[in-house]
Protein backbone atom coordinates (compact mmCIF):
# COMPACT_ATOMS: atom_id res chain seq x y z
CA MET A 1 4.18 -6.78 28.90
CA SER A 2 5.96 -6.23 25.57
CA LYS A 3 4.78 -3.59 23.13
CA VAL A 4 4.95 -3.32 19.33
CA LEU A 5 5.80 -0.21 17.32
CA VAL A 6 5.59 -0.47 13.52
CA PHE A 7 7.57 1.95 11.35
CA CYS A 8 6.18 1.43 7.84
CA LEU A 9 8.03 2.85 4.85
CA ASP A 10 5.84 2.98 1.76
CA ALA A 11 7.72 1.36 -1.17
CA LEU A 12 10.57 0.00 0.96
CA CYS A 13 12.35 -2.47 -1.31
CA ALA A 14 14.21 -5.65 -0.41
CA GLY A 15 17.35 -4.18 -1.98
CA ASP A 16 17.28 -1.26 0.46
CA VAL A 17 18.40 -3.42 3.38
CA GLU A 18 22.08 -3.34 2.46
CA LEU A 19 21.97 0.47 2.22
CA MET A 20 20.22 0.63 5.57
CA ARG A 21 22.97 -1.42 7.22
CA HIS A 22 25.35 1.51 6.68
CA MET A 23 23.07 4.22 8.07
CA PRO A 24 23.50 5.58 11.61
CA HIS A 25 20.14 4.44 13.02
CA PHE A 26 18.96 1.62 10.78
CA GLY A 27 22.45 0.07 10.96
CA PRO A 28 22.61 -0.65 14.72
CA TYR A 29 18.99 -1.79 14.62
CA LEU A 30 19.75 -4.31 11.86
CA GLN A 31 22.68 -5.71 13.83
CA ARG A 32 20.18 -7.12 16.32
CA ALA A 33 17.16 -7.61 14.08
CA ALA A 34 15.59 -10.64 12.46
CA VAL A 35 14.98 -10.06 8.76
CA VAL A 36 12.67 -11.64 6.21
CA SER A 37 14.61 -10.71 3.09
CA GLU A 38 11.62 -10.69 0.77
CA ILE A 39 7.94 -10.24 1.53
CA GLU A 40 5.52 -11.14 -1.23
CA PRO A 41 2.80 -8.48 -1.36
CA VAL A 42 -0.82 -9.23 -2.08
CA TRP A 43 -2.25 -8.68 -5.56
CA PRO A 44 -2.61 -6.04 -6.86
CA ALA A 45 0.36 -4.62 -4.95
CA LEU A 46 -1.20 -1.21 -4.43
CA THR A 47 -0.73 0.75 -1.22
CA TYR A 48 -4.22 0.42 0.21
CA CYS A 49 -4.59 -3.27 -0.67
CA CYS A 50 -1.24 -4.05 0.93
CA HIS A 51 -1.66 -1.96 4.06
CA THR A 52 -4.99 -3.61 4.72
CA SER A 53 -3.47 -7.07 4.32
CA ILE A 54 -0.55 -6.16 6.59
CA ILE A 55 -2.84 -5.49 9.55
CA THR A 56 -5.56 -8.09 8.86
CA GLY A 57 -3.49 -11.09 7.77
CA CYS A 58 -6.01 -11.60 4.96
CA TYR A 59 -5.91 -11.42 1.18
CA VAL A 60 -7.85 -8.90 -0.88
CA ASP A 61 -10.79 -11.21 -1.61
CA ARG A 62 -11.53 -11.34 2.13
CA HIS A 63 -10.74 -7.85 3.38
CA GLY A 64 -12.43 -6.16 0.41
CA VAL A 65 -9.98 -3.32 -0.37
CA ASP A 66 -9.29 -4.18 -4.01
CA ASN A 67 -7.60 -0.94 -5.16
CA ASN A 68 -6.63 2.47 -3.86
CA GLU A 69 -9.73 3.86 -5.58
CA LYS A 70 -13.23 2.56 -4.92
CA ILE A 71 -13.80 1.40 -8.48
CA ARG A 72 -17.47 1.17 -9.45
CA ARG A 73 -18.97 -0.27 -12.58
CA GLY A 74 -20.01 1.96 -15.45
CA GLY A 75 -16.67 3.11 -16.86
CA TYR A 76 -15.96 5.62 -14.09
CA TRP A 77 -12.48 6.93 -13.28
CA ASN A 78 -10.97 9.15 -10.61
CA GLN A 79 -13.24 7.74 -7.95
CA PRO A 80 -12.74 8.51 -4.24
CA TRP A 81 -10.13 6.39 -2.52
CA TYR A 82 -10.89 3.92 0.20
CA GLY A 83 -10.69 5.75 3.50
CA LYS A 84 -12.98 4.41 6.19
CA LYS A 85 -12.23 1.50 8.47
CA ALA A 86 -15.82 0.38 7.80
CA ASP A 87 -14.64 -0.56 4.28
CA VAL A 88 -12.50 -3.36 5.78
CA LYS A 89 -14.54 -6.55 6.02
CA VAL A 90 -12.41 -8.40 8.59
CA PRO A 91 -10.91 -7.45 11.98
CA THR A 92 -7.50 -5.79 12.09
CA LEU A 93 -4.57 -6.44 14.41
CA LEU A 94 -5.60 -3.35 16.37
CA ASP A 95 -9.18 -4.58 16.67
CA ARG A 96 -7.92 -7.86 18.12
CA ALA A 97 -5.56 -5.99 20.43
CA ARG A 98 -8.43 -3.95 21.85
CA GLU A 99 -10.37 -7.19 22.45
CA HIS A 100 -7.44 -8.20 24.68
CA GLY A 101 -7.57 -4.92 26.61
CA LEU A 102 -4.57 -3.33 24.89
CA THR A 103 -4.18 0.31 23.86
CA THR A 104 -3.93 1.04 20.14
CA CYS A 105 -2.59 3.91 18.05
CA SER A 106 -2.55 4.41 14.28
CA ILE A 107 -0.91 7.39 12.57
CA SER A 108 -1.40 7.94 8.80
CA TRP A 109 -2.44 4.35 8.11
CA PRO A 110 -4.67 3.97 5.04
CA VAL A 111 -8.30 2.83 5.29
CA SER A 112 -8.53 3.62 8.99
CA GLY A 113 -10.95 6.56 9.09
CA GLY A 114 -13.37 6.26 12.00
CA ALA A 115 -11.60 3.24 13.48
CA ASP A 116 -12.38 2.39 17.09
CA TYR A 117 -8.77 2.72 18.20
CA THR A 118 -7.48 4.45 21.32
CA MET A 119 -5.77 7.05 19.13
CA ASN A 120 -6.14 7.44 15.38
CA MET A 121 -5.06 9.99 12.77
CA PRO A 122 -6.02 8.33 9.45
CA MET A 123 -4.55 8.82 6.01
CA ILE A 124 -7.81 10.12 4.60
CA VAL A 125 -7.23 13.62 3.18
CA PRO A 126 -7.43 13.07 -0.63
CA TYR A 127 -4.21 12.21 -2.44
CA HIS A 128 -4.30 15.29 -4.68
CA TYR A 129 -5.65 17.75 -2.10
CA THR A 130 -3.55 20.94 -1.89
CA GLY A 131 -6.07 23.23 -0.20
CA TRP A 132 -5.91 24.98 3.14
CA ASP A 133 -8.77 23.29 4.98
CA PRO A 134 -8.20 19.53 5.46
CA ASP A 135 -10.17 19.57 8.72
CA PRO A 136 -13.52 18.43 7.22
CA TYR A 137 -11.91 15.23 5.92
CA LEU A 138 -10.70 14.38 9.43
CA GLU A 139 -13.88 15.27 11.29
CA ASP A 140 -15.32 12.12 12.89
CA MET A 141 -12.56 10.13 11.14
CA ALA A 142 -9.67 10.95 13.52
CA THR A 143 -10.05 10.42 17.24
CA LYS A 144 -11.02 13.52 19.21
CA ASN A 145 -8.09 13.18 21.60
CA LEU A 146 -5.54 13.68 18.80
CA MET A 147 -7.50 16.39 16.98
CA ASP A 148 -7.99 18.43 20.14
CA ARG A 149 -4.47 18.06 21.48
CA TYR A 150 -2.28 18.22 18.37
CA PHE A 151 -4.00 19.40 15.21
CA TYR A 152 -3.85 23.10 16.10
CA LYS A 153 -0.04 22.98 16.03
CA HIS A 154 0.69 20.24 13.48
CA GLY A 155 -2.23 20.52 11.05
CA ARG A 156 -0.31 23.21 9.15
CA TYR A 157 1.92 20.48 7.71
CA ILE A 158 -0.90 19.17 5.52
CA LYS A 159 -2.16 22.52 4.26
CA GLY A 160 -1.32 24.21 0.97
CA PRO A 161 0.52 23.19 -2.20
CA ASP A 162 3.63 21.94 -0.36
CA ARG A 163 1.72 19.80 2.11
CA SER A 164 3.67 16.97 3.74
CA LEU A 165 1.90 14.11 5.45
CA ASP A 166 5.23 12.76 6.72
CA LEU A 167 5.91 15.96 8.69
CA LEU A 168 2.51 15.66 10.36
CA THR A 169 3.04 11.96 11.05
CA MET A 170 6.42 12.39 12.73
CA ALA A 171 5.42 15.44 14.77
CA MET A 172 2.33 13.69 16.09
CA ALA A 173 4.04 10.34 16.71
CA LEU A 174 6.81 11.92 18.79
CA ASP A 175 4.33 14.01 20.76
CA ILE A 176 2.23 10.94 21.54
CA LEU A 177 5.28 9.04 22.78
CA GLU A 178 6.26 11.97 24.97
CA ASP A 179 2.83 12.95 26.31
CA TYR A 180 1.02 9.63 26.77
CA GLU A 181 1.79 6.22 28.14
CA GLN A 182 3.18 4.34 25.15
CA PRO A 183 0.38 2.50 23.30
CA ASP A 184 0.67 -1.28 23.33
CA ILE A 185 0.53 -1.32 19.53
CA MET A 186 1.46 1.75 17.49
CA LEU A 187 1.48 2.09 13.70
CA ILE A 188 3.51 4.90 12.09
CA LYS A 189 3.24 5.08 8.31
CA MET A 190 5.62 7.17 6.16
CA CYS A 191 4.94 8.09 2.52
CA ASP A 192 7.85 9.96 1.00
CA LEU A 193 10.03 7.05 -0.13
CA ASP A 194 7.18 5.96 -2.39
CA GLY A 195 6.87 9.46 -3.77
CA ALA A 196 10.60 9.69 -4.49
CA ARG A 197 10.56 6.42 -6.41
CA HIS A 198 7.51 7.43 -8.45
CA GLN A 199 9.36 10.66 -9.27
CA TYR A 200 12.89 9.45 -9.97
CA GLY A 201 12.86 5.65 -10.33
CA VAL A 202 13.76 2.76 -8.06
CA ARG A 203 17.48 3.60 -7.72
CA HIS A 204 18.41 7.29 -7.71
CA GLU A 205 20.43 9.56 -5.45
CA LYS A 206 17.24 11.40 -4.45
CA VAL A 207 15.73 8.07 -3.38
CA THR A 208 18.81 7.27 -1.29
CA ALA A 209 18.56 10.72 0.30
CA GLN A 210 14.91 10.07 1.19
CA LEU A 211 15.80 6.73 2.79
CA ARG A 212 18.44 8.58 4.80
CA LYS A 213 15.74 11.01 6.00
CA HIS A 214 13.68 8.05 7.14
CA ASP A 215 16.77 6.83 9.01
CA GLU A 216 16.80 10.09 10.98
CA GLU A 217 13.08 9.81 11.68
CA PHE A 218 13.55 6.27 12.94
CA GLY A 219 16.41 7.48 15.12
CA ALA A 220 14.10 10.07 16.68
CA ILE A 221 11.54 7.37 17.49
CA VAL A 222 14.20 5.14 19.07
CA GLU A 223 15.46 8.07 21.16
CA ALA A 224 11.91 8.89 22.27
CA LEU A 225 11.51 5.31 23.51
CA ARG A 226 14.90 5.39 25.22
CA ARG A 227 14.01 8.61 27.07
CA LYS A 228 10.67 7.13 28.02
CA GLY A 229 12.36 4.02 29.40
CA THR A 230 10.39 1.60 27.20
CA LEU A 231 12.91 0.81 24.46
CA GLU A 232 13.92 -2.56 25.89
CA ASP A 233 10.25 -3.57 26.20
CA THR A 234 9.34 -2.63 22.62
CA ASN A 235 9.37 -4.86 19.58
CA LEU A 236 10.39 -2.46 16.80
CA VAL A 237 9.13 -3.56 13.39
CA ILE A 238 10.22 -1.95 10.12
CA LEU A 239 8.31 -3.04 7.05
CA GLY A 240 7.24 -1.97 3.58
CA ASP A 241 4.01 -2.42 1.71
CA HIS A 242 5.34 -3.14 -1.79
CA GLY A 243 8.43 -2.72 -3.90
CA GLN A 244 8.63 -0.77 -7.13
CA THR A 245 9.61 -1.39 -10.76
CA ASP A 246 11.19 1.07 -13.19
CA ILE A 247 8.86 1.78 -16.11
CA ARG A 248 9.90 1.88 -19.77
CA ASP A 249 6.57 2.69 -21.42
CA VAL A 250 3.04 3.75 -20.59
CA VAL A 251 0.45 1.83 -22.62
CA HIS A 252 -3.20 2.83 -23.02
CA LEU A 253 -5.10 -0.37 -23.68
CA ASN A 254 -8.37 1.55 -23.97
CA VAL A 255 -7.08 2.95 -27.26
CA LEU A 256 -6.65 -0.60 -28.55
CA LEU A 257 -10.10 -1.57 -27.26
CA ARG A 258 -11.58 1.46 -29.02
CA GLN A 259 -9.80 0.62 -32.26
CA ALA A 260 -11.17 -2.93 -32.00
CA GLY A 261 -14.74 -1.62 -31.59
CA PHE A 262 -15.21 -2.32 -27.88
CA ILE A 263 -15.37 1.38 -26.93
CA ARG A 264 -17.38 4.20 -28.56
CA LEU A 265 -16.67 7.90 -28.00
CA ASN A 266 -18.71 11.06 -28.37
CA PRO A 267 -17.51 13.73 -30.85
CA ASP A 268 -15.83 15.57 -27.96
CA GLY A 269 -13.78 12.47 -27.08
CA SER A 270 -15.76 11.53 -23.97
CA LEU A 271 -17.02 8.01 -23.36
CA GLN A 272 -20.31 7.21 -25.10
CA SER A 273 -20.59 3.48 -24.42
CA PHE A 274 -18.41 0.39 -24.10
CA ASP A 275 -18.40 -3.38 -24.14
CA ALA A 276 -15.08 -3.60 -22.29
CA ILE A 277 -12.93 -0.94 -20.67
CA VAL A 278 -9.67 -0.82 -18.69
CA HIS A 279 -9.06 0.55 -15.20
CA SER A 280 -5.38 0.96 -14.40
CA CYS A 281 -3.82 -0.66 -11.35
CA ALA A 282 -0.42 0.64 -12.56
CA LEU A 283 1.49 -2.59 -13.35
CA THR A 284 -1.75 -4.51 -13.72
CA ALA A 285 -5.11 -3.60 -15.23
CA TYR A 286 -8.70 -4.47 -14.42
CA VAL A 287 -10.97 -4.99 -17.41
CA GLU A 288 -14.64 -4.21 -16.83
CA LEU A 289 -17.40 -5.59 -19.05
CA ALA A 290 -20.52 -3.48 -19.55
CA ASN A 291 -22.60 -6.66 -19.29
CA PRO A 292 -20.79 -9.49 -17.52
CA GLU A 293 -23.77 -11.79 -18.22
CA ASP A 294 -23.23 -11.57 -21.99
CA ALA A 295 -21.24 -14.79 -22.48
CA GLY A 296 -20.66 -14.14 -26.17
CA MET A 297 -19.15 -10.70 -25.61
CA LYS A 298 -17.11 -12.00 -22.70
CA GLN A 299 -15.59 -14.62 -24.98
CA ARG A 300 -14.88 -12.03 -27.70
CA VAL A 301 -13.13 -9.79 -25.23
CA ARG A 302 -11.12 -12.66 -23.81
CA GLU A 303 -9.96 -13.73 -27.26
CA PHE A 304 -8.89 -10.17 -28.03
CA LEU A 305 -6.97 -9.87 -24.75
CA GLU A 306 -5.33 -13.27 -25.26
CA SER A 307 -4.10 -12.09 -28.67
CA LEU A 308 -2.12 -9.35 -26.92
CA LYS A 309 0.19 -11.97 -25.45
CA GLU A 310 1.82 -12.12 -28.89
CA ASP A 311 1.68 -8.38 -29.58
CA PRO A 312 5.31 -7.19 -29.20
CA ARG A 313 4.08 -3.83 -27.89
CA ILE A 314 2.09 -5.40 -25.06
CA ARG A 315 3.32 -8.93 -24.30
CA LEU A 316 0.65 -9.77 -21.75
CA ALA A 317 1.96 -12.32 -19.26
CA TYR A 318 -1.54 -13.59 -18.46
CA VAL A 319 -5.23 -12.88 -18.79
CA MET A 320 -7.31 -14.11 -15.85
CA ASP A 321 -11.03 -13.86 -15.39
CA ARG A 322 -12.43 -12.99 -11.99
CA GLU A 323 -12.72 -16.57 -10.78
CA GLN A 324 -9.22 -17.46 -11.94
CA ALA A 325 -7.86 -14.39 -10.13
CA ARG A 326 -9.66 -15.40 -6.94
CA GLN A 327 -8.31 -18.93 -7.11
CA THR A 328 -4.75 -17.95 -8.07
CA TYR A 329 -4.01 -14.81 -6.07
CA HIS A 330 -7.02 -14.42 -3.74
CA VAL A 331 -8.14 -11.16 -5.33
CA ASP A 332 -11.71 -10.12 -6.06
CA GLY A 333 -13.36 -6.86 -7.01
CA SER A 334 -15.31 -4.89 -9.61
CA PHE A 335 -13.62 -6.42 -12.65
CA ASP A 336 -14.15 -9.27 -15.10
CA PHE A 337 -10.55 -9.78 -16.26
CA ILE A 338 -7.18 -8.85 -14.80
CA LEU A 339 -3.94 -8.75 -16.76
CA GLU A 340 -0.28 -7.81 -16.56
CA SER A 341 2.53 -7.42 -19.06
CA SER A 342 5.84 -9.26 -19.02
CA LEU A 343 7.43 -5.96 -20.13
CA PRO A 344 8.30 -3.02 -17.83
CA ILE A 345 5.18 -1.09 -18.78
CA SER A 346 2.47 0.64 -16.80
CA PHE A 347 -1.14 0.92 -17.92
CA GLY A 348 -2.82 4.26 -18.50
CA GLU A 349 -6.53 4.91 -19.06
CA ARG A 350 -6.68 7.33 -22.01
CA LEU A 351 -9.47 6.65 -24.50
CA ASP A 352 -8.67 8.84 -27.52
CA GLY A 353 -5.74 9.19 -29.92
CA ASP A 354 -4.14 6.92 -32.48
CA SER A 355 -1.10 5.76 -30.52
CA ILE A 356 -1.39 3.32 -27.66
CA TYR A 357 1.71 4.84 -26.06
CA GLY A 358 1.69 7.69 -23.58
CA SER A 359 4.22 9.70 -21.64
CA GLN A 360 5.38 9.01 -18.14
CA LEU A 361 4.25 11.54 -15.56
CA PRO A 362 7.06 11.58 -12.98
CA GLY A 363 5.62 11.40 -9.50
CA ASP A 364 2.29 9.92 -10.58
CA HIS A 365 1.35 6.80 -8.64
CA LYS A 366 0.24 4.94 -11.78
CA ILE A 367 2.44 6.19 -14.62
CA GLY A 368 5.47 7.67 -12.87
CA ALA A 369 9.13 6.85 -13.46
CA ALA A 370 8.61 3.72 -11.34
CA THR A 371 5.48 2.12 -9.97
CA HIS A 372 3.93 -1.00 -8.46
CA GLY A 373 0.59 -2.83 -8.46
CA GLY A 374 1.75 -6.07 -10.04
CA SER A 375 1.38 -9.68 -8.99
CA PRO A 376 3.44 -11.12 -6.10
CA THR A 377 6.01 -12.48 -8.56
CA ARG A 378 6.95 -8.98 -9.75
CA ARG A 379 10.36 -7.78 -8.64
CA GLU A 380 11.39 -5.85 -6.67
CA LEU A 381 9.59 -7.08 -3.54
CA THR A 382 9.45 -5.51 -0.10
CA THR A 383 10.87 -6.69 3.24
CA PHE A 384 10.15 -7.14 6.97
CA MET A 385 12.45 -6.77 9.95
CA ALA A 386 11.95 -6.85 13.71
CA ALA A 387 13.98 -6.47 16.89
CA GLY A 388 12.92 -6.59 20.50
CA PRO A 389 12.19 -8.77 23.52
CA ASN A 390 10.07 -11.28 21.59
CA VAL A 391 12.33 -11.55 18.54
CA ARG A 392 15.29 -13.84 17.93
CA PRO A 393 18.19 -11.59 16.87
CA GLY A 394 20.10 -12.31 13.70
CA VAL A 395 17.64 -14.70 12.07
CA ILE A 396 17.43 -14.23 8.30
CA LEU A 397 14.66 -15.88 6.29
CA PRO A 398 14.41 -15.79 2.49
CA CYS A 399 10.73 -15.14 1.78
CA ARG A 400 7.27 -15.05 3.39
CA SER A 401 3.87 -13.66 2.52
CA MET A 402 2.53 -10.30 3.62
CA VAL A 403 -0.45 -11.99 5.25
CA ASP A 404 1.94 -13.56 7.78
CA GLU A 405 2.84 -10.18 9.30
CA ALA A 406 -0.26 -9.48 11.41
CA PRO A 407 -0.25 -12.95 13.05
CA THR A 408 3.46 -12.48 13.79
CA MET A 409 2.96 -9.09 15.45
CA ALA A 410 -0.01 -10.46 17.40
CA ARG A 411 2.24 -13.14 18.87
CA MET A 412 4.69 -10.41 19.94
CA LEU A 413 1.78 -8.89 21.87
CA GLY A 414 0.88 -12.19 23.49
CA PHE A 415 -2.21 -13.27 21.59
CA THR A 416 -3.14 -15.04 18.38
CA MET A 417 -5.27 -13.81 15.48
CA PRO A 418 -7.99 -16.31 14.55
CA ASP A 419 -9.26 -16.87 11.02
CA THR A 420 -6.50 -15.20 9.02
CA ASP A 421 -5.04 -16.34 5.71
CA GLY A 422 -1.51 -16.09 7.09
CA SER A 423 0.34 -17.60 10.04
CA ALA A 424 2.95 -16.32 12.47
CA ILE A 425 6.58 -16.39 11.35
CA GLU A 426 7.62 -18.63 14.22
CA GLU A 427 11.28 -18.83 13.14
CA ILE A 428 11.91 -15.23 14.22
CA LEU A 429 9.95 -15.37 17.50
CA ARG A 430 11.20 -16.22 20.97
């Protein structure tokens, strides 16, 4: 029976494909691959929202992961990120595979802590953690087989100020392919392309160098399959979770809301109370009302936000309330309005100060040199490619939705996924 191995590159852009065609490992792969040139991500196009849609085939309003952070009402920031598989409200591709008696493996996939997979090493150590003891975050979240067999020798990669999740991911993935029978479905998620783009922008020599590193990593995976004798039986999928957009300005809408009287601060600059407050989703922003049942205040806030469409500093492209967002882009969450600018700006969350503008923080996932989190119409988008026994080589399609990916990979494994928002990309399947 055919297998599926997914090599996911965080922030892989549609425009990267031409570069990849000239690389030593991606190039030969692309000569025989089917390619969907552009994949529309879900909204907001944040890593955890997108990764969850990739493996469930469902939009945000159904799977429930509406941000990277678990935003809660009350004007709270810097909340813990989604981490546990229990946060996902619908079955994943790997859940369905296990129902069909298949073996499953997930390495560094977001929102997978505690998943009932055959092998699992989740992306659950906090984003900003630089300490020397990540073990407690993985306890009961990673499967015991991987912790016992590999963490003693590879755990060092995610310890200390120069921690690297990608080093851990590759070391563990190659060991699994060498030591075990190849899992029927295996997810391998790499992070560093996203980090390079947040640091340097969408197109930069350092970004190209990082893509070249991923080419070498992919080459190692292909060689591991060749040595194992399973390469010809494996459907190799390369995909991204979102694109990125270069940022011109960082705008702090909370400063404008404060100046308009919707936010009150204490003498020390901390939040005292609010009627409306912004939570950044990078290219988009959630607006939370203190009392969503106050129809009069809701209307006042909406009118103020609508006025920002004409403000040359902001140029909002739209203002949608929660129901409009659900109907238009299938997104739901702890917000009352969602908005996005038509300008290349990212939203910050600062409350104080007189200027609405802030400085970029290169490398930051919200206000770095480039970022993501916008609606599906925001360029640049991501891409999807596949090659293997169940894939028609050389097929090129212009555009599909991210929610079509899980049903497509399920078909490669010989089953269908019921009750998804997407459907299999039949044009690329044999």
